[in-house]
Amino acid sequence: MAAGPEERPKTGLTAGGNLRAAVFGVSDGLVSNTSLIMGVAGALSDARTLLITGAAGLLAGALSMAAGEYVSVSSQRELFEKEIEQERRELATRPEEEVDELARIYHRRGVPLDLACRISKALSADLKTALQTHAREELGLNPEDLGSPLGAALSSFFSFALGALVPLLPFVFRAGPAAVPLGALFAALGLAAVGALTSRLTAQPAWRGGARLLLVGGGAGAIAYSIGRVLGVAV
């Protein structure tokens, strides 16, 4: 095989991008809106004010998450499309070098050299098949699945809103003086559940993920409440 150019580093798509956005969206919604509500609750006891505060936090956070995810996935998709287009040009202008490059990849994976060359030539005979194969093997990309900016944005919006709604529920249903402790309880249960789910997705013990997110989110809420109390007394 002729000596070819060095392979570009693999970029790779993260599997389940929308699922990742959903899980982190719920977690962020829980932590941020719980902290916001608890912080204001430390300074004020008016349920209507807390309801408005929590609703504003839900909408602002969900819109911010959706916008950020849309821009992020759009930029990522544009980068991937640029890399695939570069691969297309290389296949058109120097097909022999690309065939050799693909054969070397298979050979490094344990395929005998002569067989790797034959496989590479067969897969590179058709331009569409060649582009899909080279994109997957060299770049770690699937040209037919580069991620949906709109899908990621909607997933982030609704998942953040779902998480942010949990500590807000007692105020929505007018639980009276018990609304704040109920909101904290709902948030704690939600944090434990989301943490456990996240750990299951990463093959870690569910109790560890639940305890970790409960500790982090609960700590943030407790700190926010304490600061609210101090500010409430000072003002």
Protein backbone atom coordinates (compact mmCIF):
# COMPACT_ATOMS: atom_id res chain seq x y z
CA MET A 1 0.00 0.00 0.00
CA ALA A 2 1.20 3.46 -0.76
CA ALA A 3 2.02 5.75 2.09
CA GLY A 4 -0.92 8.02 2.73
CA PRO A 5 -1.58 11.09 4.82
CA GLU A 6 -1.99 10.73 8.55
CA GLU A 7 -5.55 10.05 9.63
CA ARG A 8 -7.51 12.90 11.09
CA PRO A 9 -8.51 12.30 14.71
CA LYS A 10 -11.95 10.86 15.20
CA THR A 11 -14.58 13.30 16.30
CA GLY A 12 -17.40 10.90 17.05
CA LEU A 13 -21.01 11.46 17.91
CA THR A 14 -22.21 10.91 21.42
CA ALA A 15 -24.86 8.22 21.35
CA GLY A 16 -28.26 9.21 22.60
CA GLY A 17 -27.70 12.97 22.44
CA ASN A 18 -31.35 13.77 23.02
CA LEU A 19 -31.50 11.34 25.97
CA ARG A 20 -28.44 13.00 27.49
CA ALA A 21 -30.05 16.41 27.06
CA ALA A 22 -33.26 15.13 28.67
CA VAL A 23 -31.54 13.63 31.72
CA PHE A 24 -29.40 16.68 32.36
CA GLY A 25 -32.37 18.95 31.68
CA VAL A 26 -34.46 17.31 34.40
CA SER A 27 -31.54 17.40 36.82
CA ASP A 28 -30.79 21.08 36.10
CA GLY A 29 -34.45 22.00 36.38
CA LEU A 30 -34.75 20.32 39.76
CA VAL A 31 -31.60 21.81 41.24
CA SER A 32 -31.91 25.33 39.88
CA ASN A 33 -35.61 25.88 40.55
CA THR A 34 -35.46 24.25 43.96
CA SER A 35 -32.57 26.55 44.87
CA LEU A 36 -34.44 29.56 43.51
CA ILE A 37 -37.67 28.77 45.36
CA MET A 38 -35.88 27.89 48.60
CA GLY A 39 -33.78 31.04 48.39
CA VAL A 40 -36.82 33.27 48.05
CA ALA A 41 -38.72 31.21 50.65
CA GLY A 42 -35.96 31.94 53.14
CA ALA A 43 -36.65 35.65 52.79
CA LEU A 44 -40.41 35.68 52.10
CA SER A 45 -43.35 33.54 53.10
CA ASP A 46 -45.91 34.78 50.58
CA ALA A 47 -47.10 31.74 48.58
CA ARG A 48 -48.18 33.83 45.57
CA THR A 49 -44.75 35.41 45.31
CA LEU A 50 -43.09 32.00 45.52
CA LEU A 51 -45.42 30.64 42.83
CA ILE A 52 -44.57 33.51 40.48
CA THR A 53 -40.88 33.15 41.26
CA GLY A 54 -40.91 29.41 40.58
CA ALA A 55 -42.93 29.81 37.37
CA ALA A 56 -40.54 32.50 36.12
CA GLY A 57 -37.57 30.31 36.98
CA LEU A 58 -39.13 27.39 35.11
CA LEU A 59 -39.78 29.38 31.94
CA ALA A 60 -36.49 31.28 31.96
CA GLY A 61 -34.44 28.16 32.62
CA ALA A 62 -36.28 26.01 30.07
CA LEU A 63 -35.95 28.64 27.34
CA SER A 64 -32.28 29.18 28.14
CA MET A 65 -31.56 25.45 28.07
CA ALA A 66 -33.42 25.03 24.77
CA ALA A 67 -31.62 27.95 23.13
CA GLY A 68 -28.22 26.80 24.35
CA GLU A 69 -28.79 23.22 23.21
CA TYR A 70 -30.04 24.37 19.80
CA VAL A 71 -26.95 26.50 19.20
CA SER A 72 -24.62 23.80 20.51
CA VAL A 73 -26.05 20.97 18.38
CA SER A 74 -26.31 23.24 15.33
CA SER A 75 -22.62 24.15 15.62
CA GLN A 76 -21.69 20.51 16.17
CA ARG A 77 -23.72 19.43 13.15
CA GLU A 78 -22.10 22.09 10.95
CA LEU A 79 -18.67 20.88 12.04
CA PHE A 80 -19.56 17.27 11.25
CA GLU A 81 -20.98 18.25 7.86
CA LYS A 82 -17.76 20.12 7.07
CA GLU A 83 -15.67 17.06 7.96
CA ILE A 84 -17.89 14.78 5.86
CA GLU A 85 -17.69 17.18 2.92
CA GLN A 86 -13.90 17.17 3.23
CA GLU A 87 -13.99 13.38 3.17
CA ARG A 88 -16.17 13.51 0.06
CA ARG A 89 -13.63 15.74 -1.70
CA GLU A 90 -10.77 13.45 -0.75
CA LEU A 91 -12.64 10.41 -2.09
CA ALA A 92 -13.19 12.27 -5.38
CA THR A 93 -9.67 13.68 -5.77
CA ARG A 94 -7.44 10.95 -4.31
CA PRO A 95 -9.46 7.73 -4.15
CA GLU A 96 -6.42 5.41 -4.02
CA GLU A 97 -5.03 7.07 -0.91
CA GLU A 98 -8.44 6.84 0.77
CA VAL A 99 -8.72 3.15 -0.10
CA ASP A 100 -5.27 2.56 1.41
CA GLU A 101 -6.20 4.55 4.51
CA LEU A 102 -9.34 2.47 5.08
CA ALA A 103 -7.39 -0.76 4.54
CA ARG A 104 -4.86 0.32 7.17
CA ILE A 105 -7.67 0.90 9.66
CA TYR A 106 -9.02 -2.62 9.16
CA HIS A 107 -5.51 -4.08 9.26
CA ARG A 108 -4.81 -2.44 12.63
CA ARG A 109 -7.99 -4.09 13.90
CA GLY A 110 -6.60 -7.50 13.10
CA VAL A 111 -7.82 -8.11 9.54
CA PRO A 112 -5.10 -9.70 7.34
CA LEU A 113 -3.56 -7.12 5.03
CA ASP A 114 -4.62 -8.68 1.73
CA LEU A 115 -8.18 -9.17 2.98
CA ALA A 116 -8.26 -5.62 4.36
CA CYS A 117 -7.27 -4.28 0.95
CA ARG A 118 -10.00 -6.26 -0.80
CA ILE A 119 -12.64 -5.14 1.71
CA SER A 120 -11.56 -1.53 1.39
CA LYS A 121 -11.69 -1.63 -2.43
CA ALA A 122 -15.12 -3.26 -2.39
CA LEU A 123 -16.57 -0.72 0.05
CA SER A 124 -15.03 2.18 -1.88
CA ALA A 125 -16.37 1.17 -5.29
CA ASP A 126 -19.60 3.15 -4.87
CA LEU A 127 -19.20 6.80 -3.82
CA LYS A 128 -22.21 6.85 -1.47
CA THR A 129 -21.17 3.63 0.26
CA ALA A 130 -17.57 4.81 0.34
CA LEU A 131 -18.51 8.10 1.99
CA GLN A 132 -20.64 6.40 4.65
CA THR A 133 -17.92 3.84 5.38
CA HIS A 134 -15.06 6.32 5.52
CA ALA A 135 -17.09 8.73 7.67
CA ARG A 136 -17.84 5.98 10.17
CA GLU A 137 -14.39 4.40 10.24
CA GLU A 138 -12.21 7.52 10.02
CA LEU A 139 -14.36 10.15 11.71
CA GLY A 140 -16.65 8.07 13.90
CA LEU A 141 -19.69 9.73 12.28
CA ASN A 142 -22.91 8.47 10.77
CA PRO A 143 -23.75 10.85 7.88
CA GLU A 144 -27.44 9.96 8.24
CA ASP A 145 -27.59 10.78 11.95
CA LEU A 146 -25.69 13.94 12.85
CA GLY A 147 -28.06 15.05 15.58
CA SER A 148 -31.16 17.23 15.41
CA PRO A 149 -30.82 20.78 16.83
CA LEU A 150 -34.60 21.13 17.12
CA GLY A 151 -34.97 17.71 18.75
CA ALA A 152 -32.25 18.50 21.28
CA ALA A 153 -33.78 21.93 22.00
CA LEU A 154 -37.28 20.54 22.57
CA SER A 155 -35.91 17.72 24.70
CA SER A 156 -34.00 20.20 26.85
CA PHE A 157 -36.98 22.55 27.16
CA PHE A 158 -39.51 19.98 28.28
CA SER A 159 -37.12 18.02 30.50
CA PHE A 160 -35.95 21.18 32.31
CA ALA A 161 -39.57 22.28 32.70
CA LEU A 162 -40.48 18.86 34.11
CA GLY A 163 -37.69 19.00 36.67
CA ALA A 164 -38.42 22.62 37.58
CA LEU A 165 -42.11 21.84 38.06
CA VAL A 166 -41.49 19.31 40.85
CA PRO A 167 -40.68 21.77 43.71
CA LEU A 168 -43.34 24.12 42.37
CA LEU A 169 -46.25 21.68 42.61
CA PRO A 170 -47.30 22.45 46.23
CA PHE A 171 -47.59 26.15 45.34
CA VAL A 172 -49.62 25.37 42.22
CA PHE A 173 -52.10 23.35 44.29
CA ARG A 174 -52.13 25.97 47.08
CA ALA A 175 -50.80 23.78 49.89
CA GLY A 176 -50.70 26.77 52.25
CA PRO A 177 -48.05 26.89 55.02
CA ALA A 178 -46.95 23.35 54.14
CA ALA A 179 -46.03 24.36 50.58
CA VAL A 180 -42.36 25.09 51.32
CA PRO A 181 -41.56 21.86 53.21
CA LEU A 182 -43.62 19.87 50.67
CA GLY A 183 -41.71 21.52 47.85
CA ALA A 184 -38.42 20.56 49.49
CA LEU A 185 -39.67 16.99 50.00
CA PHE A 186 -40.84 16.65 46.38
CA ALA A 187 -37.51 18.04 45.20
CA ALA A 188 -35.56 15.59 47.37
CA LEU A 189 -37.54 12.64 46.01
CA GLY A 190 -37.09 13.90 42.46
CA LEU A 191 -33.34 14.38 42.91
CA ALA A 192 -32.93 10.87 44.29
CA ALA A 193 -34.98 9.38 41.45
CA VAL A 194 -33.14 11.26 38.67
CA GLY A 195 -29.77 10.48 40.21
CA ALA A 196 -30.66 6.80 40.38
CA LEU A 197 -31.83 6.83 36.75
CA THR A 198 -28.64 8.51 35.61
CA SER A 199 -26.56 5.89 37.38
CA ARG A 200 -28.54 3.08 35.78
CA LEU A 201 -27.82 4.56 32.35
CA THR A 202 -24.09 4.50 33.13
CA ALA A 203 -24.15 1.03 34.76
CA GLN A 204 -23.35 2.44 38.22
CA PRO A 205 -25.17 1.55 41.46
CA ALA A 206 -28.49 3.38 41.58
CA TRP A 207 -28.15 4.29 45.26
CA ARG A 208 -24.83 6.04 44.61
CA GLY A 209 -26.22 8.27 41.88
CA GLY A 210 -29.36 9.01 43.87
CA ALA A 211 -27.42 9.90 47.00
CA ARG A 212 -24.94 12.03 45.07
CA LEU A 213 -27.55 14.15 43.30
CA LEU A 214 -29.61 14.41 46.48
CA LEU A 215 -26.56 15.64 48.37
CA VAL A 216 -25.55 18.15 45.70
CA GLY A 217 -29.06 19.43 44.92
CA GLY A 218 -30.19 19.37 48.54
CA GLY A 219 -27.06 21.20 49.60
CA ALA A 220 -27.64 23.87 46.98
CA GLY A 221 -31.24 24.33 48.15
CA ALA A 222 -30.19 24.50 51.81
CA ILE A 223 -27.51 27.10 51.09
CA ALA A 224 -29.94 29.17 49.02
CA TYR A 225 -32.53 29.04 51.83
CA SER A 226 -29.92 30.12 54.41
CA ILE A 227 -28.82 33.04 52.26
CA GLY A 228 -32.46 34.01 51.76
CA ARG A 229 -33.00 34.01 55.51
CA VAL A 230 -30.00 36.25 56.06
CA LEU A 231 -31.11 38.64 53.34
CA GLY A 232 -34.69 38.62 54.59
CA VAL A 233 -33.60 39.60 58.07
CA ALA A 234 -31.15 42.24 56.78
CA VAL A 235 -33.69 43.84 54.46
